[in-house]
PDB file of N, CA and C in Angstrom:
ATOM      1  N   MET A   1      -1.405 -10.909  -3.804  1.00  0.00           N
ATOM      2  CA  MET A   1      -0.867  -9.597  -4.109  1.00  0.00           C
ATOM      3  C   MET A   1      -1.356  -8.618  -3.039  1.00  0.00           C
ATOM      4  N   ILE A   2      -0.426  -7.848  -2.502  1.00  0.00           N
ATOM      5  CA  ILE A   2      -0.732  -6.871  -1.461  1.00  0.00           C
ATOM      6  C   ILE A   2      -0.343  -5.480  -1.967  1.00  0.00           C
ATOM      7  N   ARG A   3      -1.263  -4.532  -1.897  1.00  0.00           N
ATOM      8  CA  ARG A   3      -0.984  -3.157  -2.335  1.00  0.00           C
ATOM      9  C   ARG A   3      -0.282  -2.395  -1.216  1.00  0.00           C
ATOM     10  N   HIS A   4       0.764  -1.655  -1.558  1.00  0.00           N
ATOM     11  CA  HIS A   4       1.541  -0.910  -0.569  1.00  0.00           C
ATOM     12  C   HIS A   4       0.729   0.215   0.054  1.00  0.00           C
ATOM     13  N   ASP A   5      -0.092   0.881  -0.721  1.00  0.00           N
ATOM     14  CA  ASP A   5      -0.850   2.014  -0.182  1.00  0.00           C
ATOM     15  C   ASP A   5      -1.921   1.582   0.826  1.00  0.00           C
ATOM     16  N   LYS A   6      -2.161   0.283   0.962  1.00  0.00           N
ATOM     17  CA  LYS A   6      -3.125  -0.229   1.946  1.00  0.00           C
ATOM     18  C   LYS A   6      -2.458  -0.653   3.255  1.00  0.00           C
ATOM     19  N   LEU A   7      -1.111  -0.583   3.324  1.00  0.00           N
ATOM     20  CA  LEU A   7      -0.358  -1.033   4.495  1.00  0.00           C
ATOM     21  C   LEU A   7       0.191   0.134   5.311  1.00  0.00           C
ATOM     22  N   SER A   8       0.205  -0.023   6.621  1.00  0.00           N
ATOM     23  CA  SER A   8       0.914   0.944   7.472  1.00  0.00           C
ATOM     24  C   SER A   8       2.388   0.554   7.469  1.00  0.00           C
ATOM     25  N   ASN A   9       3.254   1.459   7.902  1.00  0.00           N
ATOM     26  CA  ASN A   9       4.690   1.161   7.955  1.00  0.00           C
ATOM     27  C   ASN A   9       4.978  -0.011   8.887  1.00  0.00           C
ATOM     28  N   ALA A  10       4.297  -0.067  10.022  1.00  0.00           N
ATOM     29  CA  ALA A  10       4.504  -1.160  10.977  1.00  0.00           C
ATOM     30  C   ALA A  10       4.058  -2.498  10.381  1.00  0.00           C
ATOM     31  N   GLU A  11       2.928  -2.489   9.718  1.00  0.00           N
ATOM     32  CA  GLU A  11       2.416  -3.713   9.107  1.00  0.00           C
ATOM     33  C   GLU A  11       3.338  -4.182   7.980  1.00  0.00           C
ATOM     34  N   PHE A  12       3.837  -3.249   7.186  1.00  0.00           N
ATOM     35  CA  PHE A  12       4.776  -3.577   6.117  1.00  0.00           C
ATOM     36  C   PHE A  12       6.025  -4.247   6.690  1.00  0.00           C
ATOM     37  N   GLY A  13       6.602  -3.659   7.730  1.00  0.00           N
ATOM     38  CA  GLY A  13       7.789  -4.226   8.366  1.00  0.00           C
ATOM     39  C   GLY A  13       7.545  -5.622   8.903  1.00  0.00           C
ATOM     40  N   ARG A  14       6.387  -5.835   9.506  1.00  0.00           N
ATOM     41  CA  ARG A  14       6.041  -7.154  10.044  1.00  0.00           C
ATOM     42  C   ARG A  14       5.945  -8.189   8.932  1.00  0.00           C
ATOM     43  N   LEU A  15       5.323  -7.841   7.814  1.00  0.00           N
ATOM     44  CA  LEU A  15       5.169  -8.775   6.701  1.00  0.00           C
ATOM     45  C   LEU A  15       6.510  -9.135   6.069  1.00  0.00           C
ATOM     46  N   VAL A  16       7.422  -8.168   5.992  1.00  0.00           N
ATOM     47  CA  VAL A  16       8.757  -8.441   5.456  1.00  0.00           C
ATOM     48  C   VAL A  16       9.531  -9.356   6.406  1.00  0.00           C
ATOM     49  N   ARG A  17       9.493  -9.061   7.700  1.00  0.00           N
ATOM     50  CA  ARG A  17      10.212  -9.881   8.691  1.00  0.00           C
ATOM     51  C   ARG A  17       9.722 -11.323   8.709  1.00  0.00           C
ATOM     52  N   HIS A  18       8.424 -11.515   8.523  1.00  0.00           N
ATOM     53  CA  HIS A  18       7.846 -12.858   8.533  1.00  0.00           C
ATOM     54  C   HIS A  18       7.853 -13.504   7.151  1.00  0.00           C
ATOM     55  N   LYS A  19       8.515 -12.860   6.198  1.00  0.00           N
ATOM     56  CA  LYS A  19       8.671 -13.359   4.829  1.00  0.00           C
ATOM     57  C   LYS A  19       7.347 -13.620   4.108  1.00  0.00           C
ATOM     58  N   VAL A  20       6.323 -12.860   4.468  1.00  0.00           N
ATOM     59  CA  VAL A  20       5.060 -12.896   3.730  1.00  0.00           C
ATOM     60  C   VAL A  20       5.242 -12.129   2.422  1.00  0.00           C
ATOM     61  N   ILE A  21       6.080 -11.088   2.473  1.00  0.00           N
ATOM     62  CA  ILE A  21       6.425 -10.286   1.308  1.00  0.00           C
ATOM     63  C   ILE A  21       7.867 -10.594   0.936  1.00  0.00           C
ATOM     64  N   CYS A  22       8.081 -11.052  -0.308  1.00  0.00           N
ATOM     65  CA  CYS A  22       9.438 -11.376  -0.776  1.00  0.00           C
ATOM     66  C   CYS A  22       9.836 -10.576  -2.017  1.00  0.00           C
ATOM     67  N   LEU A  23       8.853 -10.160  -2.804  1.00  0.00           N
ATOM     68  CA  LEU A  23       9.101  -9.445  -4.047  1.00  0.00           C
ATOM     69  C   LEU A  23       8.196  -8.217  -4.137  1.00  0.00           C
ATOM     70  N   GLY A  24       8.668  -7.202  -4.836  1.00  0.00           N
ATOM     71  CA  GLY A  24       7.870  -6.002  -5.062  1.00  0.00           C
ATOM     72  C   GLY A  24       7.568  -5.856  -6.537  1.00  0.00           C
ATOM     73  N   GLY A  25       6.482  -5.156  -6.855  1.00  0.00           N
ATOM     74  CA  GLY A  25       6.116  -4.979  -8.251  1.00  0.00           C
ATOM     75  C   GLY A  25       5.493  -3.623  -8.517  1.00  0.00           C
ATOM     76  N   ASN A  26       5.415  -3.279  -9.798  1.00  0.00           N
ATOM     77  CA  ASN A  26       4.801  -2.041 -10.245  1.00  0.00           C
ATOM     78  C   ASN A  26       3.487  -2.397 -10.932  1.00  0.00           C
ATOM     79  N   SER A  27       2.377  -1.985 -10.349  1.00  0.00           N
ATOM     80  CA  SER A  27       1.066  -2.365 -10.870  1.00  0.00           C
ATOM     81  C   SER A  27       0.755  -1.739 -12.227  1.00  0.00           C
ATOM     82  N   ARG A  28       1.336  -0.604 -12.537  1.00  0.00           N
ATOM     83  CA  ARG A  28       1.073   0.032 -13.835  1.00  0.00           C
ATOM     84  C   ARG A  28       1.885  -0.619 -14.948  1.00  0.00           C
ATOM     85  N   LEU A  29       3.137  -0.970 -14.661  1.00  0.00           N
ATOM     86  CA  LEU A  29       4.012  -1.560 -15.680  1.00  0.00           C
ATOM     87  C   LEU A  29       3.966  -3.085 -15.709  1.00  0.00           C
ATOM     88  N   ARG A  30       3.364  -3.693 -14.654  1.00  0.00           N
ATOM     89  CA  ARG A  30       3.259  -5.153 -14.547  1.00  0.00           C
ATOM     90  C   ARG A  30       4.641  -5.817 -14.511  1.00  0.00           C
ATOM     91  N   ILE A  31       5.543  -5.253 -13.686  1.00  0.00           N
ATOM     92  CA  ILE A  31       6.906  -5.754 -13.510  1.00  0.00           C
ATOM     93  C   ILE A  31       7.107  -6.069 -12.037  1.00  0.00           C
ATOM     94  N   TYR A  32       7.831  -7.146 -11.737  1.00  0.00           N
ATOM     95  CA  TYR A  32       8.181  -7.451 -10.349  1.00  0.00           C
ATOM     96  C   TYR A  32       9.690  -7.643 -10.227  1.00  0.00           C
ATOM     97  N   GLY A  33      10.203  -7.415  -9.024  1.00  0.00           N
ATOM     98  CA  GLY A  33      11.632  -7.574  -8.776  1.00  0.00           C
ATOM     99  C   GLY A  33      11.923  -7.737  -7.294  1.00  0.00           C
ATOM    100  N   THR A  34      13.211  -7.728  -6.963  1.00  0.00           N
ATOM    101  CA  THR A  34      13.638  -7.904  -5.583  1.00  0.00           C
ATOM    102  C   THR A  34      13.307  -6.660  -4.762  1.00  0.00           C
ATOM    103  N   MET A  35      13.330  -6.828  -3.457  1.00  0.00           N
ATOM    104  CA  MET A  35      13.030  -5.710  -2.556  1.00  0.00           C
ATOM    105  C   MET A  35      14.163  -4.683  -2.532  1.00  0.00           C
ATOM    106  N   LYS A  36      15.338  -5.033  -3.030  1.00  0.00           N
ATOM    107  CA  LYS A  36      16.486  -4.124  -3.016  1.00  0.00           C
ATOM    108  C   LYS A  36      16.711  -3.419  -4.348  1.00  0.00           C
ATOM    109  N   CYS A  37      15.866  -3.626  -5.319  1.00  0.00           N
ATOM    110  CA  CYS A  37      16.026  -3.063  -6.663  1.00  0.00           C
ATOM    111  C   CYS A  37      15.912  -1.533  -6.629  1.00  0.00           C
ATOM    112  N   LYS A  38      16.856  -0.857  -7.261  1.00  0.00           N
ATOM    113  CA  LYS A  38      16.830   0.611  -7.313  1.00  0.00           C
ATOM    114  C   LYS A  38      15.585   1.115  -8.046  1.00  0.00           C
ATOM    115  N   SER A  39      15.213   0.439  -9.112  1.00  0.00           N
ATOM    116  CA  SER A  39      14.022   0.858  -9.871  1.00  0.00           C
ATOM    117  C   SER A  39      12.772   0.745  -9.017  1.00  0.00           C
ATOM    118  N   GLY A  40      12.674  -0.333  -8.274  1.00  0.00           N
ATOM    119  CA  GLY A  40      11.505  -0.549  -7.427  1.00  0.00           C
ATOM    120  C   GLY A  40      11.394   0.462  -6.301  1.00  0.00           C
ATOM    121  N   LYS A  41      12.528   0.878  -5.768  1.00  0.00           N
ATOM    122  CA  LYS A  41      12.516   1.845  -4.671  1.00  0.00           C
ATOM    123  C   LYS A  41      12.084   3.237  -5.128  1.00  0.00           C
ATOM    124  N   ARG A  42      12.195   3.518  -6.428  1.00  0.00           N
ATOM    125  CA  ARG A  42      11.840   4.845  -6.950  1.00  0.00           C
ATOM    126  C   ARG A  42      10.362   4.980  -7.308  1.00  0.00           C
ATOM    127  N   MET A  43       9.633   3.887  -7.399  1.00  0.00           N
ATOM    128  CA  MET A  43       8.247   3.983  -7.859  1.00  0.00           C
ATOM    129  C   MET A  43       7.331   4.592  -6.789  1.00  0.00           C
ATOM    130  N   LYS A  44       6.240   5.110  -7.239  1.00  0.00           N
ATOM    131  CA  LYS A  44       5.260   5.707  -6.334  1.00  0.00           C
ATOM    132  C   LYS A  44       4.595   4.628  -5.493  1.00  0.00           C
ATOM    133  N   LYS A  45       4.294   4.983  -4.259  1.00  0.00           N
ATOM    134  CA  LYS A  45       3.681   4.041  -3.317  1.00  0.00           C
ATOM    135  C   LYS A  45       2.356   3.497  -3.853  1.00  0.00           C
ATOM    136  N   GLU A  46       1.572   4.332  -4.516  1.00  0.00           N
ATOM    137  CA  GLU A  46       0.268   3.874  -5.011  1.00  0.00           C
ATOM    138  C   GLU A  46       0.383   2.882  -6.168  1.00  0.00           C
ATOM    139  N   ASN A  47       1.562   2.785  -6.802  1.00  0.00           N
ATOM    140  CA  ASN A  47       1.778   1.826  -7.887  1.00  0.00           C
ATOM    141  C   ASN A  47       2.449   0.545  -7.403  1.00  0.00           C
ATOM    142  N   ARG A  48       2.917   0.510  -6.174  1.00  0.00           N
ATOM    143  CA  ARG A  48       3.709  -0.614  -5.660  1.00  0.00           C
ATOM    144  C   ARG A  48       2.817  -1.705  -5.079  1.00  0.00           C
ATOM    145  N   VAL A  49       3.125  -2.940  -5.460  1.00  0.00           N
ATOM    146  CA  VAL A  49       2.445  -4.119  -4.929  1.00  0.00           C
ATOM    147  C   VAL A  49       3.509  -5.113  -4.466  1.00  0.00           C
ATOM    148  N   PHE A  50       3.097  -6.077  -3.652  1.00  0.00           N
ATOM    149  CA  PHE A  50       4.036  -7.063  -3.123  1.00  0.00           C
ATOM    150  C   PHE A  50       3.523  -8.471  -3.363  1.00  0.00           C
ATOM    151  N   PHE A  51       4.478  -9.383  -3.515  1.00  0.00           N
ATOM    152  CA  PHE A  51       4.171 -10.789  -3.760  1.00  0.00           C
ATOM    153  C   PHE A  51       4.955 -11.662  -2.801  1.00  0.00           C
ATOM    154  N   ALA A  52       4.416 -12.850  -2.523  1.00  0.00           N
ATOM    155  CA  ALA A  52       5.094 -13.820  -1.666  1.00  0.00           C
ATOM    156  C   ALA A  52       6.077 -14.671  -2.468  1.00  0.00           C
ATOM    157  N   SER A  53       5.843 -14.803  -3.782  1.00  0.00           N
ATOM    158  CA  SER A  53       6.696 -15.661  -4.602  1.00  0.00           C
ATOM    159  C   SER A  53       6.658 -15.214  -6.065  1.00  0.00           C
ATOM    160  N   GLU A  54       7.607 -15.751  -6.843  1.00  0.00           N
ATOM    161  CA  GLU A  54       7.610 -15.479  -8.280  1.00  0.00           C
ATOM    162  C   GLU A  54       6.361 -16.066  -8.924  1.00  0.00           C
ATOM    163  N   GLN A  55       5.952 -17.227  -8.464  1.00  0.00           N
ATOM    164  CA  GLN A  55       4.764 -17.875  -9.013  1.00  0.00           C
ATOM    165  C   GLN A  55       3.534 -16.983  -8.856  1.00  0.00           C
ATOM    166  N   GLU A  56       3.393 -16.368  -7.694  1.00  0.00           N
ATOM    167  CA  GLU A  56       2.257 -15.471  -7.470  1.00  0.00           C
ATOM    168  C   GLU A  56       2.310 -14.278  -8.432  1.00  0.00           C
ATOM    169  N   ALA A  57       3.499 -13.729  -8.642  1.00  0.00           N
ATOM    170  CA  ALA A  57       3.652 -12.606  -9.569  1.00  0.00           C
ATOM    171  C   ALA A  57       3.266 -13.022 -10.991  1.00  0.00           C
ATOM    172  N   HIS A  58       3.717 -14.204 -11.424  1.00  0.00           N
ATOM    173  CA  HIS A  58       3.375 -14.704 -12.763  1.00  0.00           C
ATOM    174  C   HIS A  58       1.873 -14.925 -12.893  1.00  0.00           C
ATOM    175  N   GLU A  59       1.244 -15.444 -11.842  1.00  0.00           N
ATOM    176  CA  GLU A  59      -0.199 -15.684 -11.871  1.00  0.00           C
ATOM    177  C   GLU A  59      -0.987 -14.393 -12.052  1.00  0.00           C
ATOM    178  N   HIS A  60      -0.433 -13.274 -11.579  1.00  0.00           N
ATOM    179  CA  HIS A  60      -1.099 -11.971 -11.736  1.00  0.00           C
ATOM    180  C   HIS A  60      -0.672 -11.257 -13.013  1.00  0.00           C
ATOM    181  N   GLY A  61       0.134 -11.914 -13.853  1.00  0.00           N
ATOM    182  CA  GLY A  61       0.506 -11.351 -15.145  1.00  0.00           C
ATOM    183  C   GLY A  61       1.705 -10.413 -15.127  1.00  0.00           C
ATOM    184  N   TYR A  62       2.569 -10.519 -14.135  1.00  0.00           N
ATOM    185  CA  TYR A  62       3.748  -9.662 -14.039  1.00  0.00           C
ATOM    186  C   TYR A  62       4.963 -10.352 -14.641  1.00  0.00           C
ATOM    187  N   ARG A  63       5.914  -9.568 -15.152  1.00  0.00           N
ATOM    188  CA  ARG A  63       7.155 -10.102 -15.718  1.00  0.00           C
ATOM    189  C   ARG A  63       8.326  -9.702 -14.833  1.00  0.00           C
ATOM    190  N   PRO A  64       9.468 -10.416 -14.918  1.00  0.00           N
ATOM    191  CA  PRO A  64      10.639 -10.083 -14.098  1.00  0.00           C
ATOM    192  C   PRO A  64      11.278  -8.751 -14.507  1.00  0.00           C
ATOM    193  N   CYS A  65      11.897  -8.095 -13.549  1.00  0.00           N
ATOM    194  CA  CYS A  65      12.613  -6.837 -13.773  1.00  0.00           C
ATOM    195  C   CYS A  65      13.925  -7.113 -14.513  1.00  0.00           C
ATOM    196  N   ALA A  66      14.233  -6.304 -15.502  1.00  0.00           N
ATOM    197  CA  ALA A  66      15.466  -6.472 -16.280  1.00  0.00           C
ATOM    198  C   ALA A  66      16.689  -5.952 -15.533  1.00  0.00           C
ATOM    199  N   HIS A  67      16.502  -5.201 -14.456  1.00  0.00           N
ATOM    200  CA  HIS A  67      17.647  -4.660 -13.702  1.00  0.00           C
ATOM    201  C   HIS A  67      18.111  -5.598 -12.597  1.00  0.00           C
ATOM    202  N   CYS A  68      17.205  -6.085 -11.783  1.00  0.00           N
ATOM    203  CA  CYS A  68      17.599  -6.872 -10.610  1.00  0.00           C
ATOM    204  C   CYS A  68      17.418  -8.377 -10.785  1.00  0.00           C
ATOM    205  N   MET A  69      16.683  -8.788 -11.808  1.00  0.00           N
ATOM    206  CA  MET A  69      16.436 -10.216 -12.040  1.00  0.00           C
ATOM    207  C   MET A  69      16.811 -10.561 -13.479  1.00  0.00           C
ATOM    208  N   ILE A  70      18.053 -10.318 -13.825  1.00  0.00           N
ATOM    209  CA  ILE A  70      18.520 -10.433 -15.213  1.00  0.00           C
ATOM    210  C   ILE A  70      18.304 -11.841 -15.772  1.00  0.00           C
ATOM    211  N   LYS A  71      18.682 -12.861 -15.006  1.00  0.00           N
ATOM    212  CA  LYS A  71      18.558 -14.239 -15.491  1.00  0.00           C
ATOM    213  C   LYS A  71      17.099 -14.602 -15.762  1.00  0.00           C
ATOM    214  N   GLU A  72      16.212 -14.250 -14.848  1.00  0.00           N
ATOM    215  CA  GLU A  72      14.789 -14.535 -15.022  1.00  0.00           C
ATOM    216  C   GLU A  72      14.196 -13.741 -16.181  1.00  0.00           C
ATOM    217  N   TYR A  73      14.666 -12.491 -16.343  1.00  0.00           N
ATOM    218  CA  TYR A  73      14.183 -11.650 -17.431  1.00  0.00           C
ATOM    219  C   TYR A  73      14.578 -12.245 -18.785  1.00  0.00           C
ATOM    220  N   LYS A  74      15.817 -12.748 -18.897  1.00  0.00           N
ATOM    221  CA  LYS A  74      16.264 -13.353 -20.157  1.00  0.00           C
ATOM    222  C   LYS A  74      15.434 -14.584 -20.496  1.00  0.00           C
ATOM    223  N   LYS A  75      15.097 -15.393 -19.489  1.00  0.00           N
ATOM    224  CA  LYS A  75      14.220 -16.546 -19.717  1.00  0.00           C
ATOM    225  C   LYS A  75      12.855 -16.081 -20.227  1.00  0.00           C
ATOM    226  N   TYR A  76      12.346 -15.012 -19.612  1.00  0.00           N
ATOM    227  CA  TYR A  76      11.049 -14.462 -20.005  1.00  0.00           C
ATOM    228  C   TYR A  76      11.089 -13.985 -21.459  1.00  0.00           C
ATOM    229  N   LYS A  77      12.145 -13.285 -21.840  1.00  0.00           N
ATOM    230  CA  LYS A  77      12.262 -12.737 -23.201  1.00  0.00           C
ATOM    231  C   LYS A  77      12.452 -13.819 -24.255  1.00  0.00           C
ATOM    232  N   ASN A  78      13.109 -14.905 -23.881  1.00  0.00           N
ATOM    233  CA  ASN A  78      13.451 -15.945 -24.858  1.00  0.00           C
ATOM    234  C   ASN A  78      12.395 -17.028 -25.011  1.00  0.00           C
ATOM    235  N   GLY A  79      11.363 -16.991 -24.213  1.00  0.00           N
ATOM    236  CA  GLY A  79      10.331 -18.009 -24.393  1.00  0.00           C
ATOM    237  C   GLY A  79       9.370 -18.043 -23.233  1.00  0.00           C
ATOM    238  N   PRO A  80       8.421 -18.954 -23.310  1.00  0.00           N
ATOM    239  CA  PRO A  80       7.421 -19.070 -22.241  1.00  0.00           C
ATOM    240  C   PRO A  80       8.044 -19.539 -20.943  1.00  0.00           C
ATOM    241  N   LEU A  81       7.460 -19.078 -19.834  1.00  0.00           N
ATOM    242  CA  LEU A  81       7.992 -19.442 -18.512  1.00  0.00           C
ATOM    243  C   LEU A  81       7.595 -20.830 -18.117  1.00  0.00           C
TER     244      LEU A  81
END
């Protein structure tokens, strides 16, 4: 898990280009989603975290976003992952 407020803009861009960062999350709400999610783009920088994979997000106790990851969210709501 990488915190956004600890990254410079150049470093953030490099990590995205090299696919080190694939998903974004909200540390206060414990939700993760795609990098293009409208909800994720609106959150405060100090609450934003990044993950390399869904597995990493699950290991940190985050759940899928109901807006951008509908299929994964339904699986989460209907039973254990």
